[in-house]
C-alpha atoms as a PDB file:
ATOM      1  CA  UNK A   1      -7.612   5.503  29.008  1.00  0.00           C
ATOM      2  CA  UNK A   2      -6.179   7.911  26.419  1.00  0.00           C
ATOM      3  CA  UNK A   3      -6.648   6.146  23.081  1.00  0.00           C
ATOM      4  CA  UNK A   4      -5.683   9.309  21.208  1.00  0.00           C
ATOM      5  CA  UNK A   5      -2.035   8.815  22.097  1.00  0.00           C
ATOM      6  CA  UNK A   6      -1.941   5.704  19.902  1.00  0.00           C
ATOM      7  CA  UNK A   7      -4.810   5.905  17.419  1.00  0.00           C
ATOM      8  CA  UNK A   8      -4.317   9.086  15.413  1.00  0.00           C
ATOM      9  CA  UNK A   9      -2.661  10.675  12.400  1.00  0.00           C
ATOM     10  CA  UNK A  10      -2.525   9.453   8.816  1.00  0.00           C
ATOM     11  CA  UNK A  11      -3.919   5.982   8.190  1.00  0.00           C
ATOM     12  CA  UNK A  12      -3.738   4.649   4.631  1.00  0.00           C
ATOM     13  CA  UNK A  13      -6.556   2.358   3.447  1.00  0.00           C
ATOM     14  CA  UNK A  14      -4.182   0.086   1.593  1.00  0.00           C
ATOM     15  CA  UNK A  15      -4.932  -1.584  -1.735  1.00  0.00           C
ATOM     16  CA  UNK A  16      -4.570  -5.345  -1.926  1.00  0.00           C
ATOM     17  CA  UNK A  17      -1.555  -6.019  -4.177  1.00  0.00           C
ATOM     18  CA  UNK A  18      -2.168  -8.965  -6.476  1.00  0.00           C
ATOM     19  CA  UNK A  19      -0.201 -11.057  -8.947  1.00  0.00           C
ATOM     20  CA  UNK A  20      -1.484 -11.784 -12.453  1.00  0.00           C
ATOM     21  CA  UNK A  21      -3.131 -14.989 -11.153  1.00  0.00           C
ATOM     22  CA  UNK A  22      -4.879 -13.133  -8.286  1.00  0.00           C
ATOM     23  CA  UNK A  23      -2.569 -14.288  -5.530  1.00  0.00           C
ATOM     24  CA  UNK A  24      -1.278 -11.986  -2.806  1.00  0.00           C
ATOM     25  CA  UNK A  25       1.871 -10.097  -3.826  1.00  0.00           C
ATOM     26  CA  UNK A  26       3.893 -10.134  -0.594  1.00  0.00           C
ATOM     27  CA  UNK A  27       6.952  -8.195  -1.859  1.00  0.00           C
ATOM     28  CA  UNK A  28       4.601  -5.347  -2.799  1.00  0.00           C
ATOM     29  CA  UNK A  29       3.177  -5.294   0.750  1.00  0.00           C
ATOM     30  CA  UNK A  30       6.650  -4.753   2.172  1.00  0.00           C
ATOM     31  CA  UNK A  31       7.336  -2.027  -0.365  1.00  0.00           C
ATOM     32  CA  UNK A  32       4.078  -0.201   0.356  1.00  0.00           C
ATOM     33  CA  UNK A  33       4.536  -0.406   4.115  1.00  0.00           C
ATOM     34  CA  UNK A  34       8.039   1.062   3.809  1.00  0.00           C
ATOM     35  CA  UNK A  35       6.637   3.871   1.640  1.00  0.00           C
ATOM     36  CA  UNK A  36       4.001   4.720   4.236  1.00  0.00           C
ATOM     37  CA  UNK A  37       6.450   4.506   7.140  1.00  0.00           C
ATOM     38  CA  UNK A  38       8.722   7.123   5.572  1.00  0.00           C
ATOM     39  CA  UNK A  39       5.807   9.566   5.790  1.00  0.00           C
ATOM     40  CA  UNK A  40       4.583   8.570   9.281  1.00  0.00           C
ATOM     41  CA  UNK A  41       1.466   6.920   7.810  1.00  0.00           C
ATOM     42  CA  UNK A  42      -0.062   3.740   9.245  1.00  0.00           C
ATOM     43  CA  UNK A  43      -1.520   0.901   7.122  1.00  0.00           C
ATOM     44  CA  UNK A  44      -5.157  -0.223   7.191  1.00  0.00           C
ATOM     45  CA  UNK A  45      -5.665  -3.436   5.207  1.00  0.00           C
ATOM     46  CA  UNK A  46      -8.780  -5.320   4.051  1.00  0.00           C
ATOM     47  CA  UNK A  47     -10.924  -2.191   3.780  1.00  0.00           C
ATOM     48  CA  UNK A  48     -13.026  -0.846   0.927  1.00  0.00           C
ATOM     49  CA  UNK A  49      -9.968   0.384  -0.984  1.00  0.00           C
ATOM     50  CA  UNK A  50      -8.486  -3.074  -0.455  1.00  0.00           C
ATOM     51  CA  UNK A  51     -11.335  -4.706  -2.444  1.00  0.00           C
ATOM     52  CA  UNK A  52     -12.266  -6.657   0.680  1.00  0.00           C
ATOM     53  CA  UNK A  53     -15.751  -7.504  -0.609  1.00  0.00           C
ATOM     54  CA  UNK A  54     -14.134  -9.459  -3.476  1.00  0.00           C
ATOM     55  CA  UNK A  55     -11.520 -11.331  -1.453  1.00  0.00           C
ATOM     56  CA  UNK A  56     -12.103 -14.839  -0.163  1.00  0.00           C
ATOM     57  CA  UNK A  57     -11.570 -15.576   3.525  1.00  0.00           C
ATOM     58  CA  UNK A  58      -8.230 -17.318   3.026  1.00  0.00           C
ATOM     59  CA  UNK A  59      -6.802 -14.425   1.017  1.00  0.00           C
ATOM     60  CA  UNK A  60      -7.911 -11.955   3.698  1.00  0.00           C
ATOM     61  CA  UNK A  61      -6.200 -14.072   6.347  1.00  0.00           C
ATOM     62  CA  UNK A  62      -3.058 -14.331   4.227  1.00  0.00           C
ATOM     63  CA  UNK A  63      -3.014 -10.538   3.893  1.00  0.00           C
ATOM     64  CA  UNK A  64      -3.397 -10.107   7.648  1.00  0.00           C
ATOM     65  CA  UNK A  65      -0.538 -12.522   8.381  1.00  0.00           C
ATOM     66  CA  UNK A  66       1.720 -10.925   5.771  1.00  0.00           C
ATOM     67  CA  UNK A  67       0.905  -7.448   7.085  1.00  0.00           C
ATOM     68  CA  UNK A  68       1.878  -8.590  10.567  1.00  0.00           C
ATOM     69  CA  UNK A  69       5.156  -9.933   9.198  1.00  0.00           C
ATOM     70  CA  UNK A  70       6.005  -6.660   7.449  1.00  0.00           C
ATOM     71  CA  UNK A  71       4.728  -4.360  10.188  1.00  0.00           C
ATOM     72  CA  UNK A  72       7.451  -1.906  11.134  1.00  0.00           C
ATOM     73  CA  UNK A  73       8.287  -1.525  14.814  1.00  0.00           C
ATOM     74  CA  UNK A  74       6.488   1.442  16.331  1.00  0.00           C
ATOM     75  CA  UNK A  75       3.789   1.575  13.642  1.00  0.00           C
ATOM     76  CA  UNK A  76       0.107   0.945  14.315  1.00  0.00           C
ATOM     77  CA  UNK A  77      -1.546  -1.661  12.083  1.00  0.00           C
ATOM     78  CA  UNK A  78      -5.285  -1.682  11.355  1.00  0.00           C
ATOM     79  CA  UNK A  79      -7.336  -4.393   9.628  1.00  0.00           C
ATOM     80  CA  UNK A  80     -10.876  -4.528   8.296  1.00  0.00           C
ATOM     81  CA  UNK A  81     -13.028  -7.446   9.410  1.00  0.00           C
ATOM     82  CA  UNK A  82     -16.277  -6.519   7.644  1.00  0.00           C
ATOM     83  CA  UNK A  83     -18.435  -9.388   6.435  1.00  0.00           C
ATOM     84  CA  UNK A  84     -22.095 -10.241   6.009  1.00  0.00           C
ATOM     85  CA  UNK A  85     -21.393 -13.180   8.340  1.00  0.00           C
ATOM     86  CA  UNK A  86     -20.782 -12.313  12.007  1.00  0.00           C
ATOM     87  CA  UNK A  87     -18.823 -15.516  12.575  1.00  0.00           C
ATOM     88  CA  UNK A  88     -16.473 -14.678   9.696  1.00  0.00           C
ATOM     89  CA  UNK A  89     -15.824 -11.189  11.082  1.00  0.00           C
ATOM     90  CA  UNK A  90     -14.955 -12.678  14.451  1.00  0.00           C
ATOM     91  CA  UNK A  91     -12.639 -15.204  12.816  1.00  0.00           C
ATOM     92  CA  UNK A  92     -10.853 -12.415  10.918  1.00  0.00           C
ATOM     93  CA  UNK A  93     -10.525 -10.409  14.130  1.00  0.00           C
ATOM     94  CA  UNK A  94      -8.929 -13.320  15.959  1.00  0.00           C
ATOM     95  CA  UNK A  95      -6.471 -13.844  13.104  1.00  0.00           C
ATOM     96  CA  UNK A  96      -5.730 -10.118  13.140  1.00  0.00           C
ATOM     97  CA  UNK A  97      -4.847  -9.890  16.813  1.00  0.00           C
ATOM     98  CA  UNK A  98      -2.865 -13.123  16.643  1.00  0.00           C
ATOM     99  CA  UNK A  99      -0.830 -11.556  13.797  1.00  0.00           C
ATOM    100  CA  UNK A 100       0.058  -8.244  15.434  1.00  0.00           C
ATOM    101  CA  UNK A 101      -2.809  -6.015  14.308  1.00  0.00           C
ATOM    102  CA  UNK A 102      -3.470  -3.222  16.831  1.00  0.00           C
ATOM    103  CA  UNK A 103      -7.149  -2.487  16.061  1.00  0.00           C
ATOM    104  CA  UNK A 104      -9.827  -3.821  13.734  1.00  0.00           C
ATOM    105  CA  UNK A 105     -12.537  -1.928  11.877  1.00  0.00           C
ATOM    106  CA  UNK A 106     -16.021  -3.199  11.056  1.00  0.00           C
ATOM    107  CA  UNK A 107     -18.842  -1.861   8.928  1.00  0.00           C
ATOM    108  CA  UNK A 108     -22.434  -2.993   9.152  1.00  0.00           C
ATOM    109  CA  UNK A 109     -23.296  -6.120   7.147  1.00  0.00           C
ATOM    110  CA  UNK A 110     -24.512  -4.890   3.771  1.00  0.00           C
ATOM    111  CA  UNK A 111     -27.192  -7.306   2.562  1.00  0.00           C
ATOM    112  CA  UNK A 112     -30.152  -6.593   4.847  1.00  0.00           C
ATOM    113  CA  UNK A 113     -31.408  -3.176   5.837  1.00  0.00           C
ATOM    114  CA  UNK A 114     -31.137  -2.976   9.631  1.00  0.00           C
ATOM    115  CA  UNK A 115     -33.110  -1.085  12.251  1.00  0.00           C
ATOM    116  CA  UNK A 116     -31.308   1.138  14.741  1.00  0.00           C
ATOM    117  CA  UNK A 117     -31.647  -1.554  17.425  1.00  0.00           C
ATOM    118  CA  UNK A 118     -30.260  -4.205  15.087  1.00  0.00           C
ATOM    119  CA  UNK A 119     -27.257  -2.006  14.274  1.00  0.00           C
ATOM    120  CA  UNK A 120     -26.508  -1.513  17.952  1.00  0.00           C
ATOM    121  CA  UNK A 121     -26.927  -5.188  18.741  1.00  0.00           C
ATOM    122  CA  UNK A 122     -24.685  -6.210  15.854  1.00  0.00           C
ATOM    123  CA  UNK A 123     -21.748  -4.182  17.130  1.00  0.00           C
ATOM    124  CA  UNK A 124     -22.354  -5.352  20.695  1.00  0.00           C
ATOM    125  CA  UNK A 125     -22.309  -8.993  19.578  1.00  0.00           C
ATOM    126  CA  UNK A 126     -19.126  -8.340  17.626  1.00  0.00           C
ATOM    127  CA  UNK A 127     -17.326  -6.667  20.523  1.00  0.00           C
ATOM    128  CA  UNK A 128     -18.271  -9.480  22.902  1.00  0.00           C
ATOM    129  CA  UNK A 129     -16.286 -11.983  20.846  1.00  0.00           C
ATOM    130  CA  UNK A 130     -13.489  -9.875  19.332  1.00  0.00           C
ATOM    131  CA  UNK A 131     -10.305 -10.022  21.457  1.00  0.00           C
ATOM    132  CA  UNK A 132      -9.141  -6.442  20.939  1.00  0.00           C
ATOM    133  CA  UNK A 133     -10.050  -2.815  20.097  1.00  0.00           C
ATOM    134  CA  UNK A 134     -12.789  -2.181  17.518  1.00  0.00           C
ATOM    135  CA  UNK A 135     -13.376   0.833  15.244  1.00  0.00           C
ATOM    136  CA  UNK A 136     -16.950   1.465  14.073  1.00  0.00           C
ATOM    137  CA  UNK A 137     -16.791   2.126  10.336  1.00  0.00           C
ATOM    138  CA  UNK A 138     -19.629   4.099   8.725  1.00  0.00           C
ATOM    139  CA  UNK A 139     -19.665   3.974   4.907  1.00  0.00           C
ATOM    140  CA  UNK A 140     -23.157   4.221   3.389  1.00  0.00           C
ATOM    141  CA  UNK A 141     -21.870   4.061  -0.203  1.00  0.00           C
ATOM    142  CA  UNK A 142     -21.201   0.327   0.291  1.00  0.00           C
ATOM    143  CA  UNK A 143     -23.486  -0.722   3.159  1.00  0.00           C
ATOM    144  CA  UNK A 144     -26.412   1.461   1.955  1.00  0.00           C
ATOM    145  CA  UNK A 145     -27.100   2.418   5.587  1.00  0.00           C
ATOM    146  CA  UNK A 146     -25.914   5.235   7.794  1.00  0.00           C
ATOM    147  CA  UNK A 147     -25.155   4.439  11.428  1.00  0.00           C
ATOM    148  CA  UNK A 148     -26.905   7.126  13.516  1.00  0.00           C
ATOM    149  CA  UNK A 149     -24.533   9.223  15.594  1.00  0.00           C
ATOM    150  CA  UNK A 150     -26.508   8.446  18.737  1.00  0.00           C
ATOM    151  CA  UNK A 151     -25.849   4.710  18.197  1.00  0.00           C
ATOM    152  CA  UNK A 152     -22.108   5.301  17.791  1.00  0.00           C
ATOM    153  CA  UNK A 153     -22.076   7.601  20.819  1.00  0.00           C
ATOM    154  CA  UNK A 154     -23.841   4.998  22.956  1.00  0.00           C
ATOM    155  CA  UNK A 155     -21.384   2.311  21.831  1.00  0.00           C
ATOM    156  CA  UNK A 156     -18.476   4.673  22.487  1.00  0.00           C
ATOM    157  CA  UNK A 157     -19.098   4.324  26.242  1.00  0.00           C
ATOM    158  CA  UNK A 158     -17.943   0.705  25.933  1.00  0.00           C
ATOM    159  CA  UNK A 159     -14.139   0.696  26.205  1.00  0.00           C
ATOM    160  CA  UNK A 160     -13.906  -2.040  23.583  1.00  0.00           C
ATOM    161  CA  UNK A 161     -14.802   0.566  20.935  1.00  0.00           C
ATOM    162  CA  UNK A 162     -11.892   2.951  20.552  1.00  0.00           C
ATOM    163  CA  UNK A 163     -13.124   5.097  17.673  1.00  0.00           C
ATOM    164  CA  UNK A 164     -15.073   5.569  14.499  1.00  0.00           C
ATOM    165  CA  UNK A 165     -14.117   5.987  10.859  1.00  0.00           C
ATOM    166  CA  UNK A 166     -16.727   8.024   9.014  1.00  0.00           C
ATOM    167  CA  UNK A 167     -16.815   8.095   5.208  1.00  0.00           C
ATOM    168  CA  UNK A 168     -20.279   9.615   4.912  1.00  0.00           C
ATOM    169  CA  UNK A 169     -20.262  12.843   2.903  1.00  0.00           C
ATOM    170  CA  UNK A 170     -22.435  14.910   5.189  1.00  0.00           C
ATOM    171  CA  UNK A 171     -21.313  18.320   6.489  1.00  0.00           C
ATOM    172  CA  UNK A 172     -23.802  18.414   9.353  1.00  0.00           C
ATOM    173  CA  UNK A 173     -22.829  14.926  10.475  1.00  0.00           C
ATOM    174  CA  UNK A 174     -19.146  15.879  10.470  1.00  0.00           C
ATOM    175  CA  UNK A 175     -19.793  18.923  12.635  1.00  0.00           C
ATOM    176  CA  UNK A 176     -21.930  16.951  15.077  1.00  0.00           C
ATOM    177  CA  UNK A 177     -19.367  14.132  15.246  1.00  0.00           C
ATOM    178  CA  UNK A 178     -16.590  16.504  16.216  1.00  0.00           C
ATOM    179  CA  UNK A 179     -18.806  18.158  18.815  1.00  0.00           C
ATOM    180  CA  UNK A 180     -19.416  14.722  20.327  1.00  0.00           C
ATOM    181  CA  UNK A 181     -15.913  13.231  20.286  1.00  0.00           C
ATOM    182  CA  UNK A 182     -13.154  15.781  19.693  1.00  0.00           C
ATOM    183  CA  UNK A 183     -12.909  16.352  23.439  1.00  0.00           C
ATOM    184  CA  UNK A 184     -12.975  12.657  24.361  1.00  0.00           C
ATOM    185  CA  UNK A 185      -9.629  11.062  25.179  1.00  0.00           C
ATOM    186  CA  UNK A 186     -11.091   7.558  25.065  1.00  0.00           C
ATOM    187  CA  UNK A 187     -12.803   7.702  21.668  1.00  0.00           C
ATOM    188  CA  UNK A 188     -11.239   8.735  18.357  1.00  0.00           C
ATOM    189  CA  UNK A 189     -12.699  10.211  15.185  1.00  0.00           C
ATOM    190  CA  UNK A 190     -11.106   9.329  11.838  1.00  0.00           C
ATOM    191  CA  UNK A 191     -12.131  11.276   8.735  1.00  0.00           C
ATOM    192  CA  UNK A 192     -12.826   9.007   5.763  1.00  0.00           C
ATOM    193  CA  UNK A 193     -14.038  11.816   3.484  1.00  0.00           C
ATOM    194  CA  UNK A 194     -10.773  12.995   1.915  1.00  0.00           C
ATOM    195  CA  UNK A 195     -12.223  16.253   0.635  1.00  0.00           C
ATOM    196  CA  UNK A 196     -12.785  17.425   4.216  1.00  0.00           C
ATOM    197  CA  UNK A 197      -9.425  16.348   5.632  1.00  0.00           C
ATOM    198  CA  UNK A 198      -8.080  19.791   6.551  1.00  0.00           C
ATOM    199  CA  UNK A 199     -11.418  21.027   7.883  1.00  0.00           C
ATOM    200  CA  UNK A 200     -11.864  17.918  10.029  1.00  0.00           C
ATOM    201  CA  UNK A 201      -8.362  18.116  11.500  1.00  0.00           C
ATOM    202  CA  UNK A 202      -8.632  21.827  12.270  1.00  0.00           C
ATOM    203  CA  UNK A 203     -11.876  21.200  14.143  1.00  0.00           C
ATOM    204  CA  UNK A 204     -10.671  18.292  16.236  1.00  0.00           C
ATOM    205  CA  UNK A 205     -10.635  15.068  14.222  1.00  0.00           C
ATOM    206  CA  UNK A 206      -7.906  12.687  15.374  1.00  0.00           C
ATOM    207  CA  UNK A 207      -6.859  11.320  12.014  1.00  0.00           C
ATOM    208  CA  UNK A 208      -7.411  10.824   8.309  1.00  0.00           C
ATOM    209  CA  UNK A 209      -7.985   7.695   6.220  1.00  0.00           C
ATOM    210  CA  UNK A 210      -7.567   8.909   2.592  1.00  0.00           C
ATOM    211  CA  UNK A 211      -7.173   6.469  -0.310  1.00  0.00           C
ATOM    212  CA  UNK A 212      -4.858   8.964  -2.038  1.00  0.00           C
ATOM    213  CA  UNK A 213      -2.439   8.204   0.794  1.00  0.00           C
ATOM    214  CA  UNK A 214      -1.551   5.046  -1.146  1.00  0.00           C
ATOM    215  CA  UNK A 215       0.370   7.186  -3.630  1.00  0.00           C
ATOM    216  CA  UNK A 216       1.141  10.408  -1.745  1.00  0.00           C
ATOM    217  CA  UNK A 217       1.033   9.863   2.021  1.00  0.00           C
ATOM    218  CA  UNK A 218       3.393  12.792   2.524  1.00  0.00           C
ATOM    219  CA  UNK A 219       0.677  15.283   1.607  1.00  0.00           C
ATOM    220  CA  UNK A 220      -1.333  14.316   4.676  1.00  0.00           C
ATOM    221  CA  UNK A 221       1.685  14.143   6.964  1.00  0.00           C
ATOM    222  CA  UNK A 222       2.553  17.682   5.867  1.00  0.00           C
ATOM    223  CA  UNK A 223      -1.069  18.750   6.349  1.00  0.00           C
ATOM    224  CA  UNK A 224      -1.062  17.573   9.948  1.00  0.00           C
ATOM    225  CA  UNK A 225       2.268  19.304  10.603  1.00  0.00           C
ATOM    226  CA  UNK A 226       0.911  22.548   9.118  1.00  0.00           C
ATOM    227  CA  UNK A 227      -2.178  22.413  11.340  1.00  0.00           C
ATOM    228  CA  UNK A 228      -0.076  21.734  14.441  1.00  0.00           C
ATOM    229  CA  UNK A 229       1.995  24.791  13.483  1.00  0.00           C
ATOM    230  CA  UNK A 230      -1.154  26.903  13.076  1.00  0.00           C
ATOM    231  CA  UNK A 231      -0.601  27.357   9.329  1.00  0.00           C
ATOM    232  CA  UNK A 232      -4.112  26.813   8.025  1.00  0.00           C
ATOM    233  CA  UNK A 233      -3.330  28.386   4.662  1.00  0.00           C
ATOM    234  CA  UNK A 234      -0.735  25.702   4.014  1.00  0.00           C
ATOM    235  CA  UNK A 235      -3.169  23.013   5.186  1.00  0.00           C
ATOM    236  CA  UNK A 236      -5.789  24.152   2.691  1.00  0.00           C
ATOM    237  CA  UNK A 237      -3.172  24.395  -0.079  1.00  0.00           C
ATOM    238  CA  UNK A 238      -2.393  20.742   0.575  1.00  0.00           C
ATOM    239  CA  UNK A 239      -6.122  19.994   0.645  1.00  0.00           C
ATOM    240  CA  UNK A 240      -6.437  21.381  -2.901  1.00  0.00           C
ATOM    241  CA  UNK A 241      -3.536  19.206  -3.999  1.00  0.00           C
ATOM    242  CA  UNK A 242      -5.173  16.175  -2.384  1.00  0.00           C
ATOM    243  CA  UNK A 243      -8.424  17.001  -4.179  1.00  0.00           C
ATOM    244  CA  UNK A 244      -6.646  17.286  -7.533  1.00  0.00           C
ATOM    245  CA  UNK A 245      -4.883  13.947  -7.096  1.00  0.00           C
ATOM    246  CA  UNK A 246      -8.092  12.262  -5.986  1.00  0.00           C
ATOM    247  CA  UNK A 247      -9.915  13.588  -9.044  1.00  0.00           C
ATOM    248  CA  UNK A 248      -7.302  12.015 -11.328  1.00  0.00           C
ATOM    249  CA  UNK A 249      -8.338   8.472 -10.445  1.00  0.00           C
ATOM    250  CA  UNK A 250     -11.868   9.020  -9.101  1.00  0.00           C
ATOM    251  CA  UNK A 251     -13.599  11.640 -11.240  1.00  0.00           C
ATOM    252  CA  UNK A 252     -16.165  10.150 -13.626  1.00  0.00           C
ATOM    253  CA  UNK A 253     -15.507   6.588 -12.454  1.00  0.00           C
ATOM    254  CA  UNK A 254     -17.451   4.035 -10.459  1.00  0.00           C
ATOM    255  CA  UNK A 255     -15.889   3.066  -7.134  1.00  0.00           C
ATOM    256  CA  UNK A 256     -14.534  -0.190  -8.562  1.00  0.00           C
ATOM    257  CA  UNK A 257     -13.085   1.587 -11.591  1.00  0.00           C
ATOM    258  CA  UNK A 258     -11.344   4.088  -9.336  1.00  0.00           C
ATOM    259  CA  UNK A 259      -9.676   1.251  -7.426  1.00  0.00           C
ATOM    260  CA  UNK A 260      -8.150  -0.052 -10.652  1.00  0.00           C
ATOM    261  CA  UNK A 261      -7.078   3.491 -11.547  1.00  0.00           C
ATOM    262  CA  UNK A 262      -5.422   3.894  -8.147  1.00  0.00           C
ATOM    263  CA  UNK A 263      -3.465   0.692  -8.701  1.00  0.00           C
ATOM    264  CA  UNK A 264      -2.347   1.962 -12.106  1.00  0.00           C
ATOM    265  CA  UNK A 265      -0.838   5.016 -10.421  1.00  0.00           C
ATOM    266  CA  UNK A 266       0.791   2.810  -7.792  1.00  0.00           C
ATOM    267  CA  UNK A 267       2.296   0.703 -10.563  1.00  0.00           C
ATOM    268  CA  UNK A 268       3.618   3.919 -12.104  1.00  0.00           C
ATOM    269  CA  UNK A 269       5.360   4.546  -8.765  1.00  0.00           C
ATOM    270  CA  UNK A 270       6.722   0.960  -8.616  1.00  0.00           C
ATOM    271  CA  UNK A 271       4.661   0.114  -5.540  1.00  0.00           C
ATOM    272  CA  UNK A 272       2.473  -2.717  -6.860  1.00  0.00           C
ATOM    273  CA  UNK A 273       0.910  -4.045 -10.044  1.00  0.00           C
ATOM    274  CA  UNK A 274      -2.447  -2.948 -11.423  1.00  0.00           C
ATOM    275  CA  UNK A 275      -4.162  -6.363 -11.208  1.00  0.00           C
ATOM    276  CA  UNK A 276      -7.610  -6.158  -9.648  1.00  0.00           C
ATOM    277  CA  UNK A 277      -9.885  -8.869  -8.298  1.00  0.00           C
ATOM    278  CA  UNK A 278     -13.004  -9.862 -10.314  1.00  0.00           C
ATOM    279  CA  UNK A 279     -15.719  -8.778 -10.743  1.00  0.00           C
ATOM    280  CA  UNK A 280     -13.756  -5.525 -11.035  1.00  0.00           C
ATOM    281  CA  UNK A 281     -11.708  -5.137 -14.184  1.00  0.00           C
ATOM    282  CA  UNK A 282      -9.305  -2.829 -15.962  1.00  0.00           C
ATOM    283  CA  UNK A 283     -10.460  -0.064 -18.263  1.00  0.00           C
ATOM    284  CA  UNK A 284      -8.984   0.546 -21.722  1.00  0.00           C
ATOM    285  CA  UNK A 285      -5.377   1.277 -22.642  1.00  0.00           C
ATOM    286  CA  UNK A 286      -6.480   4.770 -23.678  1.00  0.00           C
ATOM    287  CA  UNK A 287      -7.991   5.329 -20.222  1.00  0.00           C
ATOM    288  CA  UNK A 288      -4.774   4.130 -18.628  1.00  0.00           C
ATOM    289  CA  UNK A 289      -2.560   6.415 -20.706  1.00  0.00           C
ATOM    290  CA  UNK A 290      -4.775   9.433 -19.995  1.00  0.00           C
ATOM    291  CA  UNK A 291      -4.757   8.608 -16.297  1.00  0.00           C
ATOM    292  CA  UNK A 292      -0.964   8.450 -16.109  1.00  0.00           C
ATOM    293  CA  UNK A 293      -0.574  11.658 -18.117  1.00  0.00           C
ATOM    294  CA  UNK A 294      -2.979  13.552 -15.853  1.00  0.00           C
ATOM    295  CA  UNK A 295      -1.256  12.222 -12.766  1.00  0.00           C
ATOM    296  CA  UNK A 296       2.160  13.457 -13.846  1.00  0.00           C
ATOM    297  CA  UNK A 297       0.689  16.859 -14.694  1.00  0.00           C
ATOM    298  CA  UNK A 298      -0.669  17.241 -11.167  1.00  0.00           C
ATOM    299  CA  UNK A 299       2.592  16.004  -9.639  1.00  0.00           C
ATOM    300  CA  UNK A 300       4.578  18.524 -11.701  1.00  0.00           C
ATOM    301  CA  UNK A 301       2.189  21.402 -10.989  1.00  0.00           C
ATOM    302  CA  UNK A 302       2.296  20.672  -7.253  1.00  0.00           C
ATOM    303  CA  UNK A 303       6.094  20.252  -7.228  1.00  0.00           C
ATOM    304  CA  UNK A 304       5.603  16.865  -5.598  1.00  0.00           C
ATOM    305  CA  UNK A 305       8.590  14.599  -5.046  1.00  0.00           C
ATOM    306  CA  UNK A 306       7.496  10.991  -4.603  1.00  0.00           C
ATOM    307  CA  UNK A 307      10.362   8.618  -3.918  1.00  0.00           C
ATOM    308  CA  UNK A 308       9.772   4.887  -4.035  1.00  0.00           C
ATOM    309  CA  UNK A 309      11.793   1.812  -4.843  1.00  0.00           C
ATOM    310  CA  UNK A 310      12.035   1.032  -8.557  1.00  0.00           C
ATOM    311  CA  UNK A 311      11.336  -2.704  -8.547  1.00  0.00           C
ATOM    312  CA  UNK A 312       7.838  -4.212  -8.497  1.00  0.00           C
END
């Protein structure tokens, strides 16, 4: 089985677009999906960038069903099913595959610290009851645990697991991951650490999952094209541009604050509104104005052309 034919490239961890009363904004979903499609980027909903920890089960299901409705033919759709409740994750997975999702991604539950054996058993229990491909998602910043590479590698021998997304900022781990899986046709590696996108791709990673792809997916599409063409200088130029854009909404902010800031920039591009689910909240008007000003400076300096529809 060659999973790398299907599961690869640019995958955008999509924000959850909300209305002022915290309902799902379906027209914004369609607009975002069209924006990604133009740049050969695939959507990944209900992840960390999508505020999934703050969404109730019904809203997550509504997002999955709407994403399936607006999925563009030929695209690959991913959905997060992470929960502290195994039964809820399984329920989300079943809704996902019933709605046209191609693969689901799961982190460890985040409340209890787990032993290595418990981690392994958790994913095995999940795969036994999930009716489709599963991606093992490692993100210690939210789960407060790192899944050992040997656990992921052992699970990778089960065909139900088609890959891993790794957002851990660890150079040695990245190198070891690529040594383990870059040569495997049946198991994919997705880089969730945006600052190492070019390096990971050059050394054999199968795809990227950068939050900045919500606003500028074309940067990563161009990066992949440059690497395929052997132009590493251009890839690292694009990496610097990615870093600069990421710093605009992330630097000096908590994770939750950066998610609001990202939505502000998306509102500036007429993709969705800035509303964010409690307990997260907006920063000040001064912060917002500074954010937008800095964003346009980076766009101008990088000669970026970002075309989106002009109605939110």
